[in-house]
Amino acid sequence: MPRIDIEREHHLGIEAARGAVDKVAASMQEKFGLSHQWQGDVLHFSGTGVSGSIAVSAQAVRVAAQLGLLLSPLKGRIEQDIRQRLDRDFA
């Protein structure tokens, strides 16, 4: 199964970074029906055809996801969308 692993440095601080990740999680839940929950500074998410996590530190954010077979052909587009969102929210 295809994996996505993207890390971005940021200068937001951990609280602002967690807030940005909360907004991303709410959007993922609304658009794709993904469930999510925080465990420490890691947000775990899952849904039909995808599971993963978003880890937050004071200096970086890391998205790791595993795609199911149905989403495999869309891996490039999904990665591009994640990179654009990270660039926008963590620049």
PDB file of N, CA and C in Angstrom:
ATOM      1  N   MET A   1       0.840  -1.178   0.000  1.00  0.00           N
ATOM      2  CA  MET A   1       0.000   0.000   0.000  1.00  0.00           C
ATOM      3  C   MET A   1       0.885   1.241   0.000  1.00  0.00           C
ATOM      4  N   PRO A   2       0.560   2.217  -0.823  1.00  0.00           N
ATOM      5  CA  PRO A   2       1.381   3.426  -0.927  1.00  0.00           C
ATOM      6  C   PRO A   2       1.394   4.237   0.366  1.00  0.00           C
ATOM      7  N   ARG A   3       2.557   4.806   0.633  1.00  0.00           N
ATOM      8  CA  ARG A   3       2.726   5.643   1.822  1.00  0.00           C
ATOM      9  C   ARG A   3       3.061   7.064   1.402  1.00  0.00           C
ATOM     10  N   ILE A   4       2.616   7.990   2.217  1.00  0.00           N
ATOM     11  CA  ILE A   4       2.950   9.401   2.058  1.00  0.00           C
ATOM     12  C   ILE A   4       3.661   9.822   3.332  1.00  0.00           C
ATOM     13  N   ASP A   5       4.770  10.508   3.191  1.00  0.00           N
ATOM     14  CA  ASP A   5       5.534  10.980   4.347  1.00  0.00           C
ATOM     15  C   ASP A   5       6.127  12.343   3.999  1.00  0.00           C
ATOM     16  N   ILE A   6       5.583  13.391   4.606  1.00  0.00           N
ATOM     17  CA  ILE A   6       5.984  14.758   4.294  1.00  0.00           C
ATOM     18  C   ILE A   6       6.255  15.505   5.597  1.00  0.00           C
ATOM     19  N   GLU A   7       7.360  16.218   5.652  1.00  0.00           N
ATOM     20  CA  GLU A   7       7.691  17.020   6.840  1.00  0.00           C
ATOM     21  C   GLU A   7       7.975  18.455   6.419  1.00  0.00           C
ATOM     22  N   ARG A   8       7.470  19.401   7.219  1.00  0.00           N
ATOM     23  CA  ARG A   8       7.709  20.825   6.975  1.00  0.00           C
ATOM     24  C   ARG A   8       8.149  21.492   8.268  1.00  0.00           C
ATOM     25  N   GLU A   9       9.178  22.299   8.174  1.00  0.00           N
ATOM     26  CA  GLU A   9       9.573  23.127   9.310  1.00  0.00           C
ATOM     27  C   GLU A   9       8.630  24.322   9.379  1.00  0.00           C
ATOM     28  N   HIS A  10       8.472  24.854  10.577  1.00  0.00           N
ATOM     29  CA  HIS A  10       7.636  26.037  10.752  1.00  0.00           C
ATOM     30  C   HIS A  10       8.178  26.865  11.917  1.00  0.00           C
ATOM     31  N   HIS A  11       7.643  28.075  12.046  1.00  0.00           N
ATOM     32  CA  HIS A  11       8.038  28.987  13.124  1.00  0.00           C
ATOM     33  C   HIS A  11       6.817  29.459  13.904  1.00  0.00           C
ATOM     34  N   LEU A  12       5.782  28.630  13.919  1.00  0.00           N
ATOM     35  CA  LEU A  12       4.535  29.016  14.574  1.00  0.00           C
ATOM     36  C   LEU A  12       4.540  28.787  16.077  1.00  0.00           C
ATOM     37  N   GLY A  13       5.360  27.885  16.550  1.00  0.00           N
ATOM     38  CA  GLY A  13       5.261  27.437  17.929  1.00  0.00           C
ATOM     39  C   GLY A  13       4.260  26.295  17.996  1.00  0.00           C
ATOM     40  N   ILE A  14       4.320  25.525  19.050  1.00  0.00           N
ATOM     41  CA  ILE A  14       3.522  24.301  19.093  1.00  0.00           C
ATOM     42  C   ILE A  14       2.026  24.563  19.215  1.00  0.00           C
ATOM     43  N   GLU A  15       1.624  25.554  19.980  1.00  0.00           N
ATOM     44  CA  GLU A  15       0.185  25.812  20.153  1.00  0.00           C
ATOM     45  C   GLU A  15      -0.462  26.272  18.848  1.00  0.00           C
ATOM     46  N   ALA A  16       0.170  27.185  18.147  1.00  0.00           N
ATOM     47  CA  ALA A  16      -0.376  27.650  16.868  1.00  0.00           C
ATOM     48  C   ALA A  16      -0.356  26.524  15.833  1.00  0.00           C
ATOM     49  N   ALA A  17       0.679  25.701  15.858  1.00  0.00           N
ATOM     50  CA  ALA A  17       0.758  24.577  14.929  1.00  0.00           C
ATOM     51  C   ALA A  17      -0.364  23.571  15.210  1.00  0.00           C
ATOM     52  N   ARG A  18      -0.619  23.294  16.487  1.00  0.00           N
ATOM     53  CA  ARG A  18      -1.724  22.397  16.842  1.00  0.00           C
ATOM     54  C   ARG A  18      -3.061  22.983  16.378  1.00  0.00           C
ATOM     55  N   GLY A  19      -3.228  24.281  16.509  1.00  0.00           N
ATOM     56  CA  GLY A  19      -4.448  24.930  16.037  1.00  0.00           C
ATOM     57  C   GLY A  19      -4.625  24.768  14.541  1.00  0.00           C
ATOM     58  N   ALA A  20      -3.537  24.920  13.788  1.00  0.00           N
ATOM     59  CA  ALA A  20      -3.595  24.744  12.337  1.00  0.00           C
ATOM     60  C   ALA A  20      -3.945  23.296  11.986  1.00  0.00           C
ATOM     61  N   VAL A  21      -3.384  22.343  12.706  1.00  0.00           N
ATOM     62  CA  VAL A  21      -3.688  20.930  12.460  1.00  0.00           C
ATOM     63  C   VAL A  21      -5.148  20.635  12.813  1.00  0.00           C
ATOM     64  N   ASP A  22      -5.662  21.250  13.868  1.00  0.00           N
ATOM     65  CA  ASP A  22      -7.079  21.080  14.210  1.00  0.00           C
ATOM     66  C   ASP A  22      -7.976  21.521  13.056  1.00  0.00           C
ATOM     67  N   LYS A  23      -7.623  22.629  12.411  1.00  0.00           N
ATOM     68  CA  LYS A  23      -8.407  23.109  11.265  1.00  0.00           C
ATOM     69  C   LYS A  23      -8.343  22.119  10.105  1.00  0.00           C
ATOM     70  N   VAL A  24      -7.157  21.561   9.873  1.00  0.00           N
ATOM     71  CA  VAL A  24      -7.001  20.554   8.816  1.00  0.00           C
ATOM     72  C   VAL A  24      -7.856  19.329   9.143  1.00  0.00           C
ATOM     73  N   ALA A  25      -7.830  18.889  10.396  1.00  0.00           N
ATOM     74  CA  ALA A  25      -8.599  17.714  10.800  1.00  0.00           C
ATOM     75  C   ALA A  25     -10.096  17.949  10.627  1.00  0.00           C
ATOM     76  N   ALA A  26     -10.565  19.127  10.987  1.00  0.00           N
ATOM     77  CA  ALA A  26     -11.988  19.448  10.815  1.00  0.00           C
ATOM     78  C   ALA A  26     -12.366  19.425   9.336  1.00  0.00           C
ATOM     79  N   SER A  27     -11.498  19.942   8.500  1.00  0.00           N
ATOM     80  CA  SER A  27     -11.737  19.939   7.061  1.00  0.00           C
ATOM     81  C   SER A  27     -11.763  18.506   6.519  1.00  0.00           C
ATOM     82  N   MET A  28     -10.830  17.660   6.963  1.00  0.00           N
ATOM     83  CA  MET A  28     -10.786  16.267   6.521  1.00  0.00           C
ATOM     84  C   MET A  28     -12.046  15.522   6.959  1.00  0.00           C
ATOM     85  N   GLN A  29     -12.521  15.822   8.156  1.00  0.00           N
ATOM     86  CA  GLN A  29     -13.729  15.171   8.655  1.00  0.00           C
ATOM     87  C   GLN A  29     -14.938  15.591   7.822  1.00  0.00           C
ATOM     88  N   GLU A  30     -15.032  16.878   7.542  1.00  0.00           N
ATOM     89  CA  GLU A  30     -16.162  17.400   6.772  1.00  0.00           C
ATOM     90  C   GLU A  30     -16.159  16.893   5.333  1.00  0.00           C
ATOM     91  N   LYS A  31     -15.004  16.945   4.677  1.00  0.00           N
ATOM     92  CA  LYS A  31     -14.932  16.596   3.262  1.00  0.00           C
ATOM     93  C   LYS A  31     -14.906  15.094   3.005  1.00  0.00           C
ATOM     94  N   PHE A  32     -14.193  14.340   3.870  1.00  0.00           N
ATOM     95  CA  PHE A  32     -13.943  12.928   3.575  1.00  0.00           C
ATOM     96  C   PHE A  32     -14.465  11.968   4.639  1.00  0.00           C
ATOM     97  N   GLY A  33     -15.054  12.480   5.697  1.00  0.00           N
ATOM     98  CA  GLY A  33     -15.577  11.624   6.745  1.00  0.00           C
ATOM     99  C   GLY A  33     -14.518  10.941   7.585  1.00  0.00           C
ATOM    100  N   LEU A  34     -13.312  11.509   7.623  1.00  0.00           N
ATOM    101  CA  LEU A  34     -12.237  10.903   8.409  1.00  0.00           C
ATOM    102  C   LEU A  34     -12.421  11.207   9.890  1.00  0.00           C
ATOM    103  N   SER A  35     -12.225  10.208  10.713  1.00  0.00           N
ATOM    104  CA  SER A  35     -12.254  10.432  12.155  1.00  0.00           C
ATOM    105  C   SER A  35     -10.831  10.751  12.620  1.00  0.00           C
ATOM    106  N   HIS A  36     -10.729  11.434  13.753  1.00  0.00           N
ATOM    107  CA  HIS A  36      -9.405  11.806  14.247  1.00  0.00           C
ATOM    108  C   HIS A  36      -9.416  11.951  15.766  1.00  0.00           C
ATOM    109  N   GLN A  37      -8.229  11.801  16.348  1.00  0.00           N
ATOM    110  CA  GLN A  37      -8.069  12.043  17.778  1.00  0.00           C
ATOM    111  C   GLN A  37      -6.609  12.336  18.084  1.00  0.00           C
ATOM    112  N   TRP A  38      -6.408  13.212  19.052  1.00  0.00           N
ATOM    113  CA  TRP A  38      -5.062  13.575  19.495  1.00  0.00           C
ATOM    114  C   TRP A  38      -4.572  12.559  20.525  1.00  0.00           C
ATOM    115  N   GLN A  39      -3.307  12.207  20.426  1.00  0.00           N
ATOM    116  CA  GLN A  39      -2.587  11.461  21.451  1.00  0.00           C
ATOM    117  C   GLN A  39      -1.288  12.227  21.656  1.00  0.00           C
ATOM    118  N   GLY A  40      -1.254  13.025  22.719  1.00  0.00           N
ATOM    119  CA  GLY A  40      -0.111  13.909  22.924  1.00  0.00           C
ATOM    120  C   GLY A  40      -0.069  14.934  21.813  1.00  0.00           C
ATOM    121  N   ASP A  41       1.058  15.025  21.134  1.00  0.00           N
ATOM    122  CA  ASP A  41       1.224  15.979  20.035  1.00  0.00           C
ATOM    123  C   ASP A  41       1.086  15.324  18.667  1.00  0.00           C
ATOM    124  N   VAL A  42       0.388  14.197  18.619  1.00  0.00           N
ATOM    125  CA  VAL A  42       0.164  13.490  17.353  1.00  0.00           C
ATOM    126  C   VAL A  42      -1.328  13.315  17.139  1.00  0.00           C
ATOM    127  N   LEU A  43      -1.805  13.785  16.001  1.00  0.00           N
ATOM    128  CA  LEU A  43      -3.194  13.600  15.621  1.00  0.00           C
ATOM    129  C   LEU A  43      -3.264  12.375  14.713  1.00  0.00           C
ATOM    130  N   HIS A  44      -4.018  11.374  15.133  1.00  0.00           N
ATOM    131  CA  HIS A  44      -4.210  10.162  14.338  1.00  0.00           C
ATOM    132  C   HIS A  44      -5.544  10.289  13.601  1.00  0.00           C
ATOM    133  N   PHE A  45      -5.562   9.893  12.326  1.00  0.00           N
ATOM    134  CA  PHE A  45      -6.788   9.959  11.540  1.00  0.00           C
ATOM    135  C   PHE A  45      -6.978   8.662  10.767  1.00  0.00           C
ATOM    136  N   SER A  46      -8.224   8.376  10.462  1.00  0.00           N
ATOM    137  CA  SER A  46      -8.520   7.183   9.668  1.00  0.00           C
ATOM    138  C   SER A  46      -9.879   7.342   9.002  1.00  0.00           C
ATOM    139  N   GLY A  47     -10.024   6.616   7.933  1.00  0.00           N
ATOM    140  CA  GLY A  47     -11.266   6.615   7.184  1.00  0.00           C
ATOM    141  C   GLY A  47     -11.177   5.565   6.104  1.00  0.00           C
ATOM    142  N   THR A  48     -12.173   5.528   5.257  1.00  0.00           N
ATOM    143  CA  THR A  48     -12.193   4.545   4.188  1.00  0.00           C
ATOM    144  C   THR A  48     -11.017   4.769   3.246  1.00  0.00           C
ATOM    145  N   GLY A  49     -10.115   3.808   3.208  1.00  0.00           N
ATOM    146  CA  GLY A  49      -8.996   3.859   2.274  1.00  0.00           C
ATOM    147  C   GLY A  49      -7.785   4.646   2.713  1.00  0.00           C
ATOM    148  N   VAL A  50      -7.785   5.176   3.942  1.00  0.00           N
ATOM    149  CA  VAL A  50      -6.627   5.956   4.392  1.00  0.00           C
ATOM    150  C   VAL A  50      -6.531   5.921   5.916  1.00  0.00           C
ATOM    151  N   SER A  51      -5.304   5.903   6.399  1.00  0.00           N
ATOM    152  CA  SER A  51      -5.041   6.080   7.825  1.00  0.00           C
ATOM    153  C   SER A  51      -3.681   6.747   7.955  1.00  0.00           C
ATOM    154  N   GLY A  52      -3.480   7.426   9.076  1.00  0.00           N
ATOM    155  CA  GLY A  52      -2.194   8.084   9.252  1.00  0.00           C
ATOM    156  C   GLY A  52      -2.163   8.976  10.463  1.00  0.00           C
ATOM    157  N   SER A  53      -1.169   9.872  10.462  1.00  0.00           N
ATOM    158  CA  SER A  53      -0.977  10.756  11.601  1.00  0.00           C
ATOM    159  C   SER A  53      -0.355  12.074  11.144  1.00  0.00           C
ATOM    160  N   ILE A  54      -0.551  13.081  11.989  1.00  0.00           N
ATOM    161  CA  ILE A  54       0.103  14.374  11.807  1.00  0.00           C
ATOM    162  C   ILE A  54       0.777  14.689  13.131  1.00  0.00           C
ATOM    163  N   ALA A  55       2.089  14.652  13.143  1.00  0.00           N
ATOM    164  CA  ALA A  55       2.866  14.917  14.356  1.00  0.00           C
ATOM    165  C   ALA A  55       3.310  16.375  14.352  1.00  0.00           C
ATOM    166  N   VAL A  56       3.156  17.015  15.510  1.00  0.00           N
ATOM    167  CA  VAL A  56       3.468  18.434  15.639  1.00  0.00           C
ATOM    168  C   VAL A  56       4.559  18.619  16.688  1.00  0.00           C
ATOM    169  N   SER A  57       5.544  19.426  16.361  1.00  0.00           N
ATOM    170  CA  SER A  57       6.537  19.862  17.350  1.00  0.00           C
ATOM    171  C   SER A  57       6.628  21.380  17.255  1.00  0.00           C
ATOM    172  N   ALA A  58       7.422  21.979  18.091  1.00  0.00           N
ATOM    173  CA  ALA A  58       7.575  23.433  18.076  1.00  0.00           C
ATOM    174  C   ALA A  58       8.235  23.928  16.791  1.00  0.00           C
ATOM    175  N   GLN A  59       8.946  23.044  16.084  1.00  0.00           N
ATOM    176  CA  GLN A  59       9.672  23.462  14.884  1.00  0.00           C
ATOM    177  C   GLN A  59       9.205  22.814  13.586  1.00  0.00           C
ATOM    178  N   ALA A  60       8.400  21.748  13.654  1.00  0.00           N
ATOM    179  CA  ALA A  60       8.047  21.029  12.426  1.00  0.00           C
ATOM    180  C   ALA A  60       6.695  20.343  12.562  1.00  0.00           C
ATOM    181  N   VAL A  61       6.158  19.997  11.400  1.00  0.00           N
ATOM    182  CA  VAL A  61       4.937  19.195  11.320  1.00  0.00           C
ATOM    183  C   VAL A  61       5.223  18.081  10.315  1.00  0.00           C
ATOM    184  N   ARG A  62       4.772  16.858  10.647  1.00  0.00           N
ATOM    185  CA  ARG A  62       5.033  15.713   9.778  1.00  0.00           C
ATOM    186  C   ARG A  62       3.740  14.955   9.535  1.00  0.00           C
ATOM    187  N   VAL A  63       3.424  14.760   8.259  1.00  0.00           N
ATOM    188  CA  VAL A  63       2.244  14.018   7.850  1.00  0.00           C
ATOM    189  C   VAL A  63       2.701  12.656   7.335  1.00  0.00           C
ATOM    190  N   ALA A  64       2.131  11.603   7.897  1.00  0.00           N
ATOM    191  CA  ALA A  64       2.400  10.241   7.442  1.00  0.00           C
ATOM    192  C   ALA A  64       1.061   9.575   7.199  1.00  0.00           C
ATOM    193  N   ALA A  65       0.889   9.001   6.027  1.00  0.00           N
ATOM    194  CA  ALA A  65      -0.384   8.364   5.696  1.00  0.00           C
ATOM    195  C   ALA A  65      -0.138   7.108   4.878  1.00  0.00           C
ATOM    196  N   GLN A  66      -1.055   6.184   5.026  1.00  0.00           N
ATOM    197  CA  GLN A  66      -1.031   4.969   4.233  1.00  0.00           C
ATOM    198  C   GLN A  66      -2.343   4.909   3.463  1.00  0.00           C
ATOM    199  N   LEU A  67      -2.219   4.778   2.148  1.00  0.00           N
ATOM    200  CA  LEU A  67      -3.386   4.768   1.280  1.00  0.00           C
ATOM    201  C   LEU A  67      -3.797   3.345   0.944  1.00  0.00           C
ATOM    202  N   GLY A  68      -5.084   3.113   0.886  1.00  0.00           N
ATOM    203  CA  GLY A  68      -5.605   1.824   0.456  1.00  0.00           C
ATOM    204  C   GLY A  68      -5.549   1.690  -1.051  1.00  0.00           C
ATOM    205  N   LEU A  69      -5.963   0.541  -1.529  1.00  0.00           N
ATOM    206  CA  LEU A  69      -5.888   0.251  -2.956  1.00  0.00           C
ATOM    207  C   LEU A  69      -6.704   1.219  -3.808  1.00  0.00           C
ATOM    208  N   LEU A  70      -7.860   1.612  -3.341  1.00  0.00           N
ATOM    209  CA  LEU A  70      -8.698   2.509  -4.139  1.00  0.00           C
ATOM    210  C   LEU A  70      -8.091   3.897  -4.314  1.00  0.00           C
ATOM    211  N   LEU A  71      -7.334   4.345  -3.326  1.00  0.00           N
ATOM    212  CA  LEU A  71      -6.716   5.674  -3.405  1.00  0.00           C
ATOM    213  C   LEU A  71      -5.318   5.644  -4.011  1.00  0.00           C
ATOM    214  N   SER A  72      -4.770   4.477  -4.217  1.00  0.00           N
ATOM    215  CA  SER A  72      -3.406   4.354  -4.766  1.00  0.00           C
ATOM    216  C   SER A  72      -3.189   5.156  -6.039  1.00  0.00           C
ATOM    217  N   PRO A  73      -4.114   5.121  -7.004  1.00  0.00           N
ATOM    218  CA  PRO A  73      -3.889   5.888  -8.235  1.00  0.00           C
ATOM    219  C   PRO A  73      -3.871   7.405  -8.016  1.00  0.00           C
ATOM    220  N   LEU A  74      -4.403   7.854  -6.885  1.00  0.00           N
ATOM    221  CA  LEU A  74      -4.471   9.286  -6.597  1.00  0.00           C
ATOM    222  C   LEU A  74      -3.337   9.774  -5.705  1.00  0.00           C
ATOM    223  N   LYS A  75      -2.350   8.923  -5.445  1.00  0.00           N
ATOM    224  CA  LYS A  75      -1.275   9.272  -4.511  1.00  0.00           C
ATOM    225  C   LYS A  75      -0.602  10.599  -4.878  1.00  0.00           C
ATOM    226  N   GLY A  76      -0.247  10.793  -6.122  1.00  0.00           N
ATOM    227  CA  GLY A  76       0.433  12.028  -6.541  1.00  0.00           C
ATOM    228  C   GLY A  76      -0.404  13.258  -6.275  1.00  0.00           C
ATOM    229  N   ARG A  77      -1.673  13.182  -6.594  1.00  0.00           N
ATOM    230  CA  ARG A  77      -2.570  14.322  -6.373  1.00  0.00           C
ATOM    231  C   ARG A  77      -2.761  14.583  -4.881  1.00  0.00           C
ATOM    232  N   ILE A  78      -2.908  13.526  -4.100  1.00  0.00           N
ATOM    233  CA  ILE A  78      -3.080  13.677  -2.655  1.00  0.00           C
ATOM    234  C   ILE A  78      -1.833  14.308  -2.044  1.00  0.00           C
ATOM    235  N   GLU A  79      -0.646  13.836  -2.443  1.00  0.00           N
ATOM    236  CA  GLU A  79       0.609  14.422  -1.949  1.00  0.00           C
ATOM    237  C   GLU A  79       0.702  15.900  -2.303  1.00  0.00           C
ATOM    238  N   GLN A  80       0.341  16.239  -3.524  1.00  0.00           N
ATOM    239  CA  GLN A  80       0.389  17.634  -3.961  1.00  0.00           C
ATOM    240  C   GLN A  80      -0.553  18.492  -3.115  1.00  0.00           C
ATOM    241  N   ASP A  81      -1.758  17.988  -2.855  1.00  0.00           N
ATOM    242  CA  ASP A  81      -2.719  18.721  -2.036  1.00  0.00           C
ATOM    243  C   ASP A  81      -2.191  18.926  -0.612  1.00  0.00           C
ATOM    244  N   ILE A  82      -1.564  17.895  -0.048  1.00  0.00           N
ATOM    245  CA  ILE A  82      -1.006  18.008   1.306  1.00  0.00           C
ATOM    246  C   ILE A  82       0.109  19.050   1.329  1.00  0.00           C
ATOM    247  N   ARG A  83       1.004  18.988   0.341  1.00  0.00           N
ATOM    248  CA  ARG A  83       2.112  19.954   0.285  1.00  0.00           C
ATOM    249  C   ARG A  83       1.587  21.391   0.174  1.00  0.00           C
ATOM    250  N   GLN A  84       0.581  21.602  -0.658  1.00  0.00           N
ATOM    251  CA  GLN A  84       0.017  22.943  -0.800  1.00  0.00           C
ATOM    252  C   GLN A  84      -0.611  23.419   0.502  1.00  0.00           C
ATOM    253  N   ARG A  85      -1.308  22.533   1.182  1.00  0.00           N
ATOM    254  CA  ARG A  85      -1.935  22.906   2.458  1.00  0.00           C
ATOM    255  C   ARG A  85      -0.874  23.226   3.504  1.00  0.00           C
ATOM    256  N   LEU A  86       0.181  22.421   3.569  1.00  0.00           N
ATOM    257  CA  LEU A  86       1.265  22.682   4.513  1.00  0.00           C
ATOM    258  C   LEU A  86       1.955  24.003   4.199  1.00  0.00           C
ATOM    259  N   ASP A  87       2.197  24.261   2.916  1.00  0.00           N
ATOM    260  CA  ASP A  87       2.821  25.524   2.519  1.00  0.00           C
ATOM    261  C   ASP A  87       1.957  26.706   2.940  1.00  0.00           C
ATOM    262  N   ARG A  88       0.647  26.581   2.785  1.00  0.00           N
ATOM    263  CA  ARG A  88      -0.258  27.670   3.125  1.00  0.00           C
ATOM    264  C   ARG A  88      -0.374  27.856   4.646  1.00  0.00           C
ATOM    265  N   ASP A  89      -0.551  26.761   5.379  1.00  0.00           N
ATOM    266  CA  ASP A  89      -0.841  26.866   6.819  1.00  0.00           C
ATOM    267  C   ASP A  89       0.399  26.967   7.702  1.00  0.00           C
ATOM    268  N   PHE A  90       1.562  26.555   7.188  1.00  0.00           N
ATOM    269  CA  PHE A  90       2.770  26.525   8.022  1.00  0.00           C
ATOM    270  C   PHE A  90       3.926  27.334   7.451  1.00  0.00           C
ATOM    271  N   ALA A  91       3.618  28.261   6.524  1.00  0.00           N
ATOM    272  CA  ALA A  91       4.679  29.080   5.914  1.00  0.00           C
ATOM    273  C   ALA A  91       5.218  30.099   6.907  1.00  0.00           C
TER     274      ALA A  91
END
